[in-house]
Amino acid sequence: MQKKDHYVIIGNGPAGNRASEIFRENDKNARVTIISDEGFPFYYRHKLLDFLSGSISDESLQVKKHLDYKKNNIRLRLGQTVTKIDPANRVLFLKHMEKIEYTSLILATGGTRSILPSLAGFEKYFSFMTNYNEALALKPALSGIKKAIVIGGDLISIKFIKMLINMGKDVSFFLCKEGFWPIELTEKMSENIASRMKKEEIKTILDDYPVNIFQTNAGYEIITENGEKIKGDIIFYFMGLKPDIDFIKGSGIDTAEGVLVDEYLKTNYKNIYACGDCAQIYNPEFKDYWISTGWDNATLQGETAALNLLGEHKIIKPVPHKIFEVEGIKVNTSWWKEIQE
């Protein structure tokens, strides 16, 4: 009896879920498994702020429920961490030493928090909101916060500050333009953000950075390069995402900033593809690699990767231009982004 194919997807975001749907639609008999280190089913990550503020419920945050996977005969393994990949033998190793054999593998691990090297030593003092578990932990704490410090280097940090202000919080904002994500801030953009923030009585620090952080009986105190002291009940840290690929390094799969793939989303192994925020995609026109952002891009890449693993030969194309605007900054979230002021 011929052994069934086993399609394994690491990552339970839009790319991984779309890939699982394509596998099931095209192969009714194969085994399809999604592995995720998060303990919550597929959810709208970009709606975490709405969940945190109470605008939407826990249920409204979910894209799929456990029953949806069961109906499609897709095995969902939550709270499972892959620690090692053995591409030569087509085996994954989980944290608890379980081995999982696969026929084909899709890497859709998304992004993980990015910490500036100069601030890495203070990570224990920071509160994050990069996933559901972190948002869930923050939610009950928000009501007791009066003064918040936000160290920001992404567009979400600006939206988060707006949420805090609407909740009646006092906010001090370190705008770290050098590490801004997913775009590179120009001087004009930085000044524009700072100007708008100050109009709303948000203390904005532009060219002065934390050099020391202390935990006090009242909360936290930040000492800046210029000797200023900033005090707050809590420090929120938003510095964008980086590809979540640490466990892949050393496996033989080619990586740089992300997992290196060609325009078909194939790695240097014919049965391993990567898509979404963890993939660094080659563009033959520009002769360069790029990491895409955005839900629509991830969904399209998940679909393309799965179809190509099944034998098609589709070149990944960017989704139509979608302009995302925050505080006067316009970002084109298509694959090859253009910055507009």
C-alpha atoms as a PDB file:
ATOM      1  CA  MET A   1       0.000   0.000   0.000  1.00  0.00           C
ATOM      2  CA  GLN A   2       1.398   3.374  -1.061  1.00  0.00           C
ATOM      3  CA  LYS A   3       2.207   5.727   1.791  1.00  0.00           C
ATOM      4  CA  LYS A   4       0.193   8.963   1.825  1.00  0.00           C
ATOM      5  CA  ASP A   5       1.953  12.249   1.244  1.00  0.00           C
ATOM      6  CA  HIS A   6       2.397  14.340   4.373  1.00  0.00           C
ATOM      7  CA  TYR A   7       2.335  18.087   3.822  1.00  0.00           C
ATOM      8  CA  VAL A   8       3.627  19.903   6.895  1.00  0.00           C
ATOM      9  CA  ILE A   9       3.308  23.653   7.435  1.00  0.00           C
ATOM     10  CA  ILE A  10       5.175  25.452  10.196  1.00  0.00           C
ATOM     11  CA  GLY A  11       3.159  28.552  11.039  1.00  0.00           C
ATOM     12  CA  ASN A  12      -0.531  29.223  11.602  1.00  0.00           C
ATOM     13  CA  GLY A  13      -0.908  32.662  10.016  1.00  0.00           C
ATOM     14  CA  PRO A  14      -2.478  33.702   6.681  1.00  0.00           C
ATOM     15  CA  ALA A  15       0.290  32.120   4.569  1.00  0.00           C
ATOM     16  CA  GLY A  16       0.248  28.774   6.370  1.00  0.00           C
ATOM     17  CA  ASN A  17      -3.524  28.515   6.475  1.00  0.00           C
ATOM     18  CA  ARG A  18      -3.950  29.328   2.790  1.00  0.00           C
ATOM     19  CA  ALA A  19      -1.321  26.711   1.941  1.00  0.00           C
ATOM     20  CA  SER A  20      -3.187  24.086   3.986  1.00  0.00           C
ATOM     21  CA  GLU A  21      -6.423  24.871   2.139  1.00  0.00           C
ATOM     22  CA  ILE A  22      -4.722  24.465  -1.254  1.00  0.00           C
ATOM     23  CA  PHE A  23      -3.218  21.126  -0.223  1.00  0.00           C
ATOM     24  CA  ARG A  24      -6.583  19.810   0.937  1.00  0.00           C
ATOM     25  CA  GLU A  25      -8.450  21.081  -2.126  1.00  0.00           C
ATOM     26  CA  ASN A  26      -6.005  19.362  -4.471  1.00  0.00           C
ATOM     27  CA  ASP A  27      -5.209  16.203  -2.530  1.00  0.00           C
ATOM     28  CA  LYS A  28      -8.122  14.736  -0.560  1.00  0.00           C
ATOM     29  CA  ASN A  29      -6.135  11.771   0.720  1.00  0.00           C
ATOM     30  CA  ALA A  30      -2.881  13.363   1.875  1.00  0.00           C
ATOM     31  CA  ARG A  31      -2.072  14.150   5.478  1.00  0.00           C
ATOM     32  CA  VAL A  32      -1.945  17.881   6.145  1.00  0.00           C
ATOM     33  CA  THR A  33      -0.475  19.196   9.413  1.00  0.00           C
ATOM     34  CA  ILE A  34      -0.062  22.747  10.705  1.00  0.00           C
ATOM     35  CA  ILE A  35       2.400  23.231  13.564  1.00  0.00           C
ATOM     36  CA  SER A  36       2.435  26.440  15.602  1.00  0.00           C
ATOM     37  CA  ASP A  37       4.194  27.474  18.785  1.00  0.00           C
ATOM     38  CA  GLU A  38       1.235  29.703  19.656  1.00  0.00           C
ATOM     39  CA  GLY A  39      -1.609  28.231  21.671  1.00  0.00           C
ATOM     40  CA  PHE A  40      -4.419  30.110  19.924  1.00  0.00           C
ATOM     41  CA  PRO A  41      -6.040  29.216  16.558  1.00  0.00           C
ATOM     42  CA  PHE A  42      -5.682  31.367  13.434  1.00  0.00           C
ATOM     43  CA  TYR A  43      -6.469  35.004  14.322  1.00  0.00           C
ATOM     44  CA  TYR A  44      -6.308  38.510  12.858  1.00  0.00           C
ATOM     45  CA  ARG A  45      -2.980  39.773  14.165  1.00  0.00           C
ATOM     46  CA  HIS A  46      -3.644  43.242  12.779  1.00  0.00           C
ATOM     47  CA  LYS A  47      -6.756  43.440  15.000  1.00  0.00           C
ATOM     48  CA  LEU A  48      -4.901  42.865  18.273  1.00  0.00           C
ATOM     49  CA  LEU A  49      -5.164  46.564  19.133  1.00  0.00           C
ATOM     50  CA  ASP A  50      -8.950  46.393  18.739  1.00  0.00           C
ATOM     51  CA  PHE A  51      -8.996  43.336  20.992  1.00  0.00           C
ATOM     52  CA  LEU A  52      -6.785  45.071  23.539  1.00  0.00           C
ATOM     53  CA  SER A  53      -8.979  48.171  23.643  1.00  0.00           C
ATOM     54  CA  GLY A  54     -12.149  46.080  23.968  1.00  0.00           C
ATOM     55  CA  SER A  55     -13.517  47.095  20.549  1.00  0.00           C
ATOM     56  CA  ILE A  56     -13.810  43.444  19.507  1.00  0.00           C
ATOM     57  CA  SER A  57     -14.236  40.219  21.447  1.00  0.00           C
ATOM     58  CA  ASP A  58     -11.953  37.237  21.732  1.00  0.00           C
ATOM     59  CA  GLU A  59     -14.266  35.361  19.375  1.00  0.00           C
ATOM     60  CA  SER A  60     -14.246  38.137  16.755  1.00  0.00           C
ATOM     61  CA  LEU A  61     -10.449  37.991  16.718  1.00  0.00           C
ATOM     62  CA  GLN A  62     -10.480  34.411  15.449  1.00  0.00           C
ATOM     63  CA  VAL A  63     -10.394  33.651  11.730  1.00  0.00           C
ATOM     64  CA  LYS A  64     -10.870  29.912  12.186  1.00  0.00           C
ATOM     65  CA  LYS A  65     -11.938  27.685  15.033  1.00  0.00           C
ATOM     66  CA  HIS A  66     -10.732  24.181  15.850  1.00  0.00           C
ATOM     67  CA  LEU A  67     -13.832  22.714  14.204  1.00  0.00           C
ATOM     68  CA  ASP A  68     -12.905  24.309  10.865  1.00  0.00           C
ATOM     69  CA  TYR A  69      -9.652  22.329  10.769  1.00  0.00           C
ATOM     70  CA  LYS A  70     -11.395  19.132  11.791  1.00  0.00           C
ATOM     71  CA  LYS A  71     -13.983  19.498   9.011  1.00  0.00           C
ATOM     72  CA  ASN A  72     -11.200  19.773   6.426  1.00  0.00           C
ATOM     73  CA  ASN A  73      -9.198  16.919   7.938  1.00  0.00           C
ATOM     74  CA  ILE A  74      -6.272  19.214   8.723  1.00  0.00           C
ATOM     75  CA  ARG A  75      -4.359  18.406  11.870  1.00  0.00           C
ATOM     76  CA  LEU A  76      -3.644  21.514  13.938  1.00  0.00           C
ATOM     77  CA  ARG A  77      -0.872  21.220  16.501  1.00  0.00           C
ATOM     78  CA  LEU A  78      -0.804  24.307  18.706  1.00  0.00           C
ATOM     79  CA  GLY A  79       1.744  25.062  21.391  1.00  0.00           C
ATOM     80  CA  GLN A  80       4.354  22.928  19.603  1.00  0.00           C
ATOM     81  CA  THR A  81       7.817  24.353  18.917  1.00  0.00           C
ATOM     82  CA  VAL A  82       9.973  23.062  16.079  1.00  0.00           C
ATOM     83  CA  THR A  83      13.608  23.195  17.185  1.00  0.00           C
ATOM     84  CA  LYS A  84      15.383  21.569  14.242  1.00  0.00           C
ATOM     85  CA  ILE A  85      14.870  20.591  10.615  1.00  0.00           C
ATOM     86  CA  ASP A  86      16.714  17.706   8.934  1.00  0.00           C
ATOM     87  CA  PRO A  87      16.051  18.340   5.212  1.00  0.00           C
ATOM     88  CA  ALA A  88      18.139  15.357   4.037  1.00  0.00           C
ATOM     89  CA  ASN A  89      15.914  12.901   5.911  1.00  0.00           C
ATOM     90  CA  ARG A  90      12.756  15.011   5.755  1.00  0.00           C
ATOM     91  CA  VAL A  91      12.310  15.105   9.509  1.00  0.00           C
ATOM     92  CA  LEU A  92      11.276  17.818  11.973  1.00  0.00           C
ATOM     93  CA  PHE A  93      12.245  17.744  15.641  1.00  0.00           C
ATOM     94  CA  LEU A  94       9.898  19.230  18.211  1.00  0.00           C
ATOM     95  CA  LYS A  95      10.921  20.730  21.529  1.00  0.00           C
ATOM     96  CA  HIS A  96       9.779  17.667  23.453  1.00  0.00           C
ATOM     97  CA  MET A  97      11.963  15.452  21.180  1.00  0.00           C
ATOM     98  CA  GLU A  98       9.153  14.139  18.989  1.00  0.00           C
ATOM     99  CA  LYS A  99      10.110  13.515  15.352  1.00  0.00           C
ATOM    100  CA  ILE A 100       7.730  14.295  12.501  1.00  0.00           C
ATOM    101  CA  GLU A 101       8.378  13.002   9.005  1.00  0.00           C
ATOM    102  CA  TYR A 102       7.181  15.007   6.035  1.00  0.00           C
ATOM    103  CA  THR A 103       6.944  14.640   2.271  1.00  0.00           C
ATOM    104  CA  SER A 104       6.836  18.374   1.601  1.00  0.00           C
ATOM    105  CA  LEU A 105       7.386  21.293   3.948  1.00  0.00           C
ATOM    106  CA  ILE A 106       6.236  24.902   3.935  1.00  0.00           C
ATOM    107  CA  LEU A 107       7.936  27.425   6.200  1.00  0.00           C
ATOM    108  CA  ALA A 108       5.407  30.108   7.119  1.00  0.00           C
ATOM    109  CA  THR A 109       6.696  31.099  10.539  1.00  0.00           C
ATOM    110  CA  GLY A 110       6.030  34.822  10.117  1.00  0.00           C
ATOM    111  CA  GLY A 111       7.857  37.420  12.147  1.00  0.00           C
ATOM    112  CA  THR A 112       9.017  37.708  15.713  1.00  0.00           C
ATOM    113  CA  ARG A 113       9.858  40.732  17.832  1.00  0.00           C
ATOM    114  CA  SER A 114      12.920  42.724  16.855  1.00  0.00           C
ATOM    115  CA  ILE A 115      15.119  44.130  19.643  1.00  0.00           C
ATOM    116  CA  LEU A 116      17.702  46.826  18.966  1.00  0.00           C
ATOM    117  CA  PRO A 117      21.125  45.579  20.161  1.00  0.00           C
ATOM    118  CA  SER A 118      21.580  48.718  22.265  1.00  0.00           C
ATOM    119  CA  LEU A 119      18.378  47.911  24.194  1.00  0.00           C
ATOM    120  CA  ALA A 120      18.622  44.113  24.347  1.00  0.00           C
ATOM    121  CA  GLY A 121      19.957  44.228  27.907  1.00  0.00           C
ATOM    122  CA  PHE A 122      16.739  45.889  29.090  1.00  0.00           C
ATOM    123  CA  GLU A 123      14.316  43.435  27.451  1.00  0.00           C
ATOM    124  CA  LYS A 124      13.075  42.147  30.831  1.00  0.00           C
ATOM    125  CA  TYR A 125      11.589  45.599  31.531  1.00  0.00           C
ATOM    126  CA  PHE A 126       9.579  45.784  28.306  1.00  0.00           C
ATOM    127  CA  SER A 127       5.978  44.824  27.601  1.00  0.00           C
ATOM    128  CA  PHE A 128       5.283  43.568  24.082  1.00  0.00           C
ATOM    129  CA  MET A 129       2.235  43.041  21.905  1.00  0.00           C
ATOM    130  CA  THR A 130       3.386  40.945  18.966  1.00  0.00           C
ATOM    131  CA  ASN A 131       0.923  38.068  19.428  1.00  0.00           C
ATOM    132  CA  TYR A 132      -2.326  37.032  21.078  1.00  0.00           C
ATOM    133  CA  ASN A 133      -0.758  35.759  24.302  1.00  0.00           C
ATOM    134  CA  GLU A 134       1.031  39.065  24.886  1.00  0.00           C
ATOM    135  CA  ALA A 135      -2.140  41.060  24.158  1.00  0.00           C
ATOM    136  CA  LEU A 136      -4.112  38.820  26.517  1.00  0.00           C
ATOM    137  CA  ALA A 137      -1.581  39.397  29.304  1.00  0.00           C
ATOM    138  CA  LEU A 138      -1.623  43.180  28.756  1.00  0.00           C
ATOM    139  CA  LYS A 139      -5.385  43.608  28.662  1.00  0.00           C
ATOM    140  CA  PRO A 140      -6.131  43.453  32.412  1.00  0.00           C
ATOM    141  CA  ALA A 141      -3.060  45.582  33.224  1.00  0.00           C
ATOM    142  CA  LEU A 142      -4.134  48.552  31.075  1.00  0.00           C
ATOM    143  CA  SER A 143      -6.757  49.836  33.498  1.00  0.00           C
ATOM    144  CA  GLY A 144      -4.165  50.415  36.243  1.00  0.00           C
ATOM    145  CA  ILE A 145      -1.734  52.354  34.032  1.00  0.00           C
ATOM    146  CA  LYS A 146      -1.599  56.150  34.310  1.00  0.00           C
ATOM    147  CA  LYS A 147       1.764  57.006  32.721  1.00  0.00           C
ATOM    148  CA  ALA A 148       3.070  54.906  29.843  1.00  0.00           C
ATOM    149  CA  ILE A 149       6.403  55.002  28.033  1.00  0.00           C
ATOM    150  CA  VAL A 150       6.400  53.778  24.438  1.00  0.00           C
ATOM    151  CA  ILE A 151       9.661  52.977  22.665  1.00  0.00           C
ATOM    152  CA  GLY A 152       8.531  52.887  19.063  1.00  0.00           C
ATOM    153  CA  GLY A 153      10.006  51.974  15.747  1.00  0.00           C
ATOM    154  CA  ASP A 154       7.004  50.830  13.740  1.00  0.00           C
ATOM    155  CA  LEU A 155       3.651  52.047  12.507  1.00  0.00           C
ATOM    156  CA  ILE A 156       1.793  49.950  15.091  1.00  0.00           C
ATOM    157  CA  SER A 157       3.455  51.900  17.906  1.00  0.00           C
ATOM    158  CA  ILE A 158       1.815  55.086  16.646  1.00  0.00           C
ATOM    159  CA  LYS A 159      -1.617  53.461  16.517  1.00  0.00           C
ATOM    160  CA  PHE A 160      -1.006  52.010  19.965  1.00  0.00           C
ATOM    161  CA  ILE A 161      -0.244  55.462  21.370  1.00  0.00           C
ATOM    162  CA  LYS A 162      -3.502  56.774  19.905  1.00  0.00           C
ATOM    163  CA  MET A 163      -5.322  53.973  21.710  1.00  0.00           C
ATOM    164  CA  LEU A 164      -3.623  54.851  25.015  1.00  0.00           C
ATOM    165  CA  ILE A 165      -4.513  58.535  24.633  1.00  0.00           C
ATOM    166  CA  ASN A 166      -8.153  57.640  23.943  1.00  0.00           C
ATOM    167  CA  MET A 167      -8.084  55.618  27.163  1.00  0.00           C
ATOM    168  CA  GLY A 168      -6.936  58.697  29.104  1.00  0.00           C
ATOM    169  CA  LYS A 169      -3.293  57.659  29.590  1.00  0.00           C
ATOM    170  CA  ASP A 170      -0.307  60.003  29.794  1.00  0.00           C
ATOM    171  CA  VAL A 171       2.261  58.911  27.172  1.00  0.00           C
ATOM    172  CA  SER A 172       5.962  59.574  26.577  1.00  0.00           C
ATOM    173  CA  PHE A 173       7.106  58.413  23.139  1.00  0.00           C
ATOM    174  CA  PHE A 174      10.664  57.582  22.056  1.00  0.00           C
ATOM    175  CA  LEU A 175      10.567  57.719  18.247  1.00  0.00           C
ATOM    176  CA  CYS A 176      13.476  55.539  17.064  1.00  0.00           C
ATOM    177  CA  LYS A 177      13.595  56.503  13.420  1.00  0.00           C
ATOM    178  CA  GLU A 178      16.745  54.486  12.623  1.00  0.00           C
ATOM    179  CA  GLY A 179      14.982  51.206  13.341  1.00  0.00           C
ATOM    180  CA  PHE A 180      11.546  52.105  11.995  1.00  0.00           C
ATOM    181  CA  TRP A 181       9.554  49.252  10.393  1.00  0.00           C
ATOM    182  CA  PRO A 182       8.428  48.378   7.748  1.00  0.00           C
ATOM    183  CA  ILE A 183       9.831  51.500   6.088  1.00  0.00           C
ATOM    184  CA  GLU A 184      12.823  53.769   6.472  1.00  0.00           C
ATOM    185  CA  LEU A 185      11.834  57.102   7.929  1.00  0.00           C
ATOM    186  CA  THR A 186      13.172  60.256   6.345  1.00  0.00           C
ATOM    187  CA  GLU A 187      13.959  63.301   8.478  1.00  0.00           C
ATOM    188  CA  LYS A 188      10.821  64.964   7.149  1.00  0.00           C
ATOM    189  CA  MET A 189       8.651  61.989   8.142  1.00  0.00           C
ATOM    190  CA  SER A 190      10.120  61.914  11.647  1.00  0.00           C
ATOM    191  CA  GLU A 191       9.518  65.617  12.184  1.00  0.00           C
ATOM    192  CA  ASN A 192       5.982  65.264  10.847  1.00  0.00           C
ATOM    193  CA  ILE A 193       5.175  62.484  13.323  1.00  0.00           C
ATOM    194  CA  ALA A 194       6.723  64.378  16.231  1.00  0.00           C
ATOM    195  CA  SER A 195       4.812  67.539  15.328  1.00  0.00           C
ATOM    196  CA  ARG A 196       1.475  65.736  15.198  1.00  0.00           C
ATOM    197  CA  MET A 197       2.157  63.940  18.482  1.00  0.00           C
ATOM    198  CA  LYS A 198       3.070  67.147  20.300  1.00  0.00           C
ATOM    199  CA  LYS A 199      -0.181  68.753  19.158  1.00  0.00           C
ATOM    200  CA  GLU A 200      -1.953  66.056  21.150  1.00  0.00           C
ATOM    201  CA  GLU A 201       0.255  66.723  24.179  1.00  0.00           C
ATOM    202  CA  ILE A 202       2.231  63.514  23.737  1.00  0.00           C
ATOM    203  CA  LYS A 203       5.800  63.967  24.963  1.00  0.00           C
ATOM    204  CA  THR A 204       7.847  62.896  21.924  1.00  0.00           C
ATOM    205  CA  ILE A 205      11.596  62.289  22.110  1.00  0.00           C
ATOM    206  CA  LEU A 206      13.234  62.318  18.677  1.00  0.00           C
ATOM    207  CA  ASP A 207      17.025  62.467  18.869  1.00  0.00           C
ATOM    208  CA  ASP A 208      17.657  61.266  22.395  1.00  0.00           C
ATOM    209  CA  TYR A 209      17.823  57.562  23.270  1.00  0.00           C
ATOM    210  CA  PRO A 210      17.619  55.426  26.425  1.00  0.00           C
ATOM    211  CA  VAL A 211      21.023  54.496  27.820  1.00  0.00           C
ATOM    212  CA  ASN A 212      19.845  53.085  31.135  1.00  0.00           C
ATOM    213  CA  ILE A 213      16.588  51.756  32.551  1.00  0.00           C
ATOM    214  CA  PHE A 214      15.740  51.128  36.190  1.00  0.00           C
ATOM    215  CA  GLN A 215      12.816  49.462  37.862  1.00  0.00           C
ATOM    216  CA  THR A 216      11.592  51.496  40.823  1.00  0.00           C
ATOM    217  CA  ASN A 217       8.910  51.074  43.472  1.00  0.00           C
ATOM    218  CA  ALA A 218       6.662  53.319  41.394  1.00  0.00           C
ATOM    219  CA  GLY A 219       7.386  51.705  38.023  1.00  0.00           C
ATOM    220  CA  TYR A 220      10.290  52.463  35.678  1.00  0.00           C
ATOM    221  CA  GLU A 221      12.762  55.248  35.002  1.00  0.00           C
ATOM    222  CA  ILE A 222      14.651  55.783  31.748  1.00  0.00           C
ATOM    223  CA  ILE A 223      17.868  57.826  31.605  1.00  0.00           C
ATOM    224  CA  THR A 224      18.584  59.238  28.146  1.00  0.00           C
ATOM    225  CA  GLU A 225      21.840  60.128  26.393  1.00  0.00           C
ATOM    226  CA  ASN A 226      21.191  63.795  27.200  1.00  0.00           C
ATOM    227  CA  GLY A 227      20.603  63.029  30.867  1.00  0.00           C
ATOM    228  CA  GLU A 228      16.835  63.422  30.814  1.00  0.00           C
ATOM    229  CA  LYS A 229      14.809  61.215  33.171  1.00  0.00           C
ATOM    230  CA  ILE A 230      11.536  59.762  31.901  1.00  0.00           C
ATOM    231  CA  LYS A 231       9.276  57.987  34.408  1.00  0.00           C
ATOM    232  CA  GLY A 232       6.330  55.684  33.766  1.00  0.00           C
ATOM    233  CA  ASP A 233       4.241  52.823  35.134  1.00  0.00           C
ATOM    234  CA  ILE A 234       5.098  50.567  32.198  1.00  0.00           C
ATOM    235  CA  ILE A 235       7.368  50.510  29.130  1.00  0.00           C
ATOM    236  CA  PHE A 236       5.873  49.293  25.864  1.00  0.00           C
ATOM    237  CA  TYR A 237       8.303  48.247  23.147  1.00  0.00           C
ATOM    238  CA  PHE A 238       7.391  48.279  19.438  1.00  0.00           C
ATOM    239  CA  MET A 239      10.281  47.928  17.023  1.00  0.00           C
ATOM    240  CA  GLY A 240       8.717  45.963  14.205  1.00  0.00           C
ATOM    241  CA  LEU A 241       9.300  42.345  13.320  1.00  0.00           C
ATOM    242  CA  LYS A 242      12.105  40.222  11.963  1.00  0.00           C
ATOM    243  CA  PRO A 243      11.727  36.839  10.213  1.00  0.00           C
ATOM    244  CA  ASP A 244      11.269  34.056  12.757  1.00  0.00           C
ATOM    245  CA  ILE A 245      13.988  31.751  11.438  1.00  0.00           C
ATOM    246  CA  ASP A 246      16.474  31.137  14.248  1.00  0.00           C
ATOM    247  CA  PHE A 247      15.598  27.440  14.448  1.00  0.00           C
ATOM    248  CA  ILE A 248      16.173  27.076  10.691  1.00  0.00           C
ATOM    249  CA  LYS A 249      19.745  28.353  10.733  1.00  0.00           C
ATOM    250  CA  GLY A 250      22.319  25.564  10.490  1.00  0.00           C
ATOM    251  CA  SER A 251      19.857  23.162   8.868  1.00  0.00           C
ATOM    252  CA  GLY A 252      21.330  23.553   5.389  1.00  0.00           C
ATOM    253  CA  ILE A 253      18.382  25.660   4.233  1.00  0.00           C
ATOM    254  CA  ASP A 254      19.759  28.906   2.813  1.00  0.00           C
ATOM    255  CA  THR A 255      18.977  31.948   4.941  1.00  0.00           C
ATOM    256  CA  ALA A 256      20.034  35.581   5.152  1.00  0.00           C
ATOM    257  CA  GLU A 257      17.701  38.023   6.848  1.00  0.00           C
ATOM    258  CA  GLY A 258      14.914  35.553   6.049  1.00  0.00           C
ATOM    259  CA  VAL A 259      14.620  32.183   4.309  1.00  0.00           C
ATOM    260  CA  LEU A 260      16.026  32.663   0.816  1.00  0.00           C
ATOM    261  CA  VAL A 261      13.637  31.547  -1.919  1.00  0.00           C
ATOM    262  CA  ASP A 262      13.407  32.030  -5.669  1.00  0.00           C
ATOM    263  CA  GLU A 263      10.532  33.666  -7.516  1.00  0.00           C
ATOM    264  CA  TYR A 264       8.600  30.383  -7.157  1.00  0.00           C
ATOM    265  CA  LEU A 265       9.100  30.492  -3.364  1.00  0.00           C
ATOM    266  CA  LYS A 266      11.313  27.400  -3.442  1.00  0.00           C
ATOM    267  CA  THR A 267      14.300  27.094  -1.107  1.00  0.00           C
ATOM    268  CA  ASN A 268      17.502  25.300  -2.053  1.00  0.00           C
ATOM    269  CA  TYR A 269      15.614  22.041  -1.303  1.00  0.00           C
ATOM    270  CA  LYS A 270      13.063  21.052  -3.924  1.00  0.00           C
ATOM    271  CA  ASN A 271      10.463  19.903  -1.394  1.00  0.00           C
ATOM    272  CA  ILE A 272      10.753  22.913   0.953  1.00  0.00           C
ATOM    273  CA  TYR A 273       9.125  26.262   0.225  1.00  0.00           C
ATOM    274  CA  ALA A 274       8.811  29.429   2.323  1.00  0.00           C
ATOM    275  CA  CYS A 275       6.226  32.208   2.276  1.00  0.00           C
ATOM    276  CA  GLY A 276       4.952  35.173   4.249  1.00  0.00           C
ATOM    277  CA  ASP A 277       7.000  37.374   6.566  1.00  0.00           C
ATOM    278  CA  CYS A 278       9.755  34.778   7.031  1.00  0.00           C
ATOM    279  CA  ALA A 279      10.551  34.509   3.303  1.00  0.00           C
ATOM    280  CA  GLN A 280      13.188  36.590   1.518  1.00  0.00           C
ATOM    281  CA  ILE A 281      12.035  36.422  -2.085  1.00  0.00           C
ATOM    282  CA  TYR A 282      14.193  36.858  -5.166  1.00  0.00           C
ATOM    283  CA  ASN A 283      12.924  39.306  -7.764  1.00  0.00           C
ATOM    284  CA  PRO A 284      14.563  38.544 -11.141  1.00  0.00           C
ATOM    285  CA  GLU A 285      13.743  42.010 -12.482  1.00  0.00           C
ATOM    286  CA  PHE A 286      15.580  43.826  -9.698  1.00  0.00           C
ATOM    287  CA  LYS A 287      18.068  40.995  -9.108  1.00  0.00           C
ATOM    288  CA  ASP A 288      17.596  41.375  -5.378  1.00  0.00           C
ATOM    289  CA  TYR A 289      15.777  39.781  -2.437  1.00  0.00           C
ATOM    290  CA  TRP A 290      12.938  41.338  -0.488  1.00  0.00           C
ATOM    291  CA  ILE A 291      10.843  40.494   2.548  1.00  0.00           C
ATOM    292  CA  SER A 292       7.172  41.295   2.014  1.00  0.00           C
ATOM    293  CA  THR A 293       4.675  42.490   4.591  1.00  0.00           C
ATOM    294  CA  GLY A 294       0.925  42.418   4.868  1.00  0.00           C
ATOM    295  CA  TRP A 295      -1.905  39.922   5.181  1.00  0.00           C
ATOM    296  CA  ASP A 296      -2.799  39.870   1.470  1.00  0.00           C
ATOM    297  CA  ASN A 297       0.784  39.257   0.393  1.00  0.00           C
ATOM    298  CA  ALA A 298       1.118  36.397   2.878  1.00  0.00           C
ATOM    299  CA  THR A 299      -2.125  34.778   1.705  1.00  0.00           C
ATOM    300  CA  LEU A 300      -1.101  34.958  -1.953  1.00  0.00           C
ATOM    301  CA  GLN A 301       2.342  33.550  -1.173  1.00  0.00           C
ATOM    302  CA  GLY A 302       0.866  30.659   0.823  1.00  0.00           C
ATOM    303  CA  GLU A 303      -1.329  29.763  -2.119  1.00  0.00           C
ATOM    304  CA  THR A 304       1.523  30.043  -4.634  1.00  0.00           C
ATOM    305  CA  ALA A 305       3.934  27.991  -2.529  1.00  0.00           C
ATOM    306  CA  ALA A 306       1.412  25.165  -2.093  1.00  0.00           C
ATOM    307  CA  LEU A 307       0.480  25.091  -5.792  1.00  0.00           C
ATOM    308  CA  ASN A 308       4.136  24.978  -6.810  1.00  0.00           C
ATOM    309  CA  LEU A 309       4.830  22.137  -4.371  1.00  0.00           C
ATOM    310  CA  LEU A 310       1.959  20.300  -6.065  1.00  0.00           C
ATOM    311  CA  GLY A 311       3.635  20.676  -9.462  1.00  0.00           C
ATOM    312  CA  GLU A 312       2.659  24.063 -10.844  1.00  0.00           C
ATOM    313  CA  HIS A 313       5.159  26.698 -11.874  1.00  0.00           C
ATOM    314  CA  LYS A 314       3.738  30.014 -10.723  1.00  0.00           C
ATOM    315  CA  ILE A 315       5.901  33.100 -10.245  1.00  0.00           C
ATOM    316  CA  ILE A 316       4.879  35.083  -7.193  1.00  0.00           C
ATOM    317  CA  LYS A 317       3.395  38.461  -8.033  1.00  0.00           C
ATOM    318  CA  PRO A 318       2.704  41.322  -5.631  1.00  0.00           C
ATOM    319  CA  VAL A 319      -0.874  42.030  -4.652  1.00  0.00           C
ATOM    320  CA  PRO A 320      -2.415  45.235  -6.042  1.00  0.00           C
ATOM    321  CA  HIS A 321      -1.171  48.385  -4.354  1.00  0.00           C
ATOM    322  CA  LYS A 322      -2.752  49.069  -0.979  1.00  0.00           C
ATOM    323  CA  ILE A 323      -1.918  52.337   0.739  1.00  0.00           C
ATOM    324  CA  PHE A 324      -1.719  52.270   4.525  1.00  0.00           C
ATOM    325  CA  GLU A 325      -1.574  55.689   6.209  1.00  0.00           C
ATOM    326  CA  VAL A 326      -0.639  56.588   9.779  1.00  0.00           C
ATOM    327  CA  GLU A 327       0.104  60.129  10.937  1.00  0.00           C
ATOM    328  CA  GLY A 328       0.771  61.402   7.445  1.00  0.00           C
ATOM    329  CA  ILE A 329       2.997  58.487   6.421  1.00  0.00           C
ATOM    330  CA  LYS A 330       1.749  56.567   3.409  1.00  0.00           C
ATOM    331  CA  VAL A 331       3.084  53.076   2.846  1.00  0.00           C
ATOM    332  CA  ASN A 332       2.502  50.972  -0.233  1.00  0.00           C
ATOM    333  CA  THR A 333       2.131  47.449   1.184  1.00  0.00           C
ATOM    334  CA  SER A 334       2.654  45.658  -2.121  1.00  0.00           C
ATOM    335  CA  TRP A 335       5.631  43.326  -2.395  1.00  0.00           C
ATOM    336  CA  TRP A 336       8.100  45.947  -3.665  1.00  0.00           C
ATOM    337  CA  LYS A 337       7.175  48.890  -1.493  1.00  0.00           C
ATOM    338  CA  GLU A 338       7.474  52.510  -2.432  1.00  0.00           C
ATOM    339  CA  ILE A 339       7.647  55.179   0.261  1.00  0.00           C
ATOM    340  CA  GLN A 340       5.457  58.201  -0.178  1.00  0.00           C
ATOM    341  CA  GLU A 341       5.451  61.373   1.895  1.00  0.00           C
END
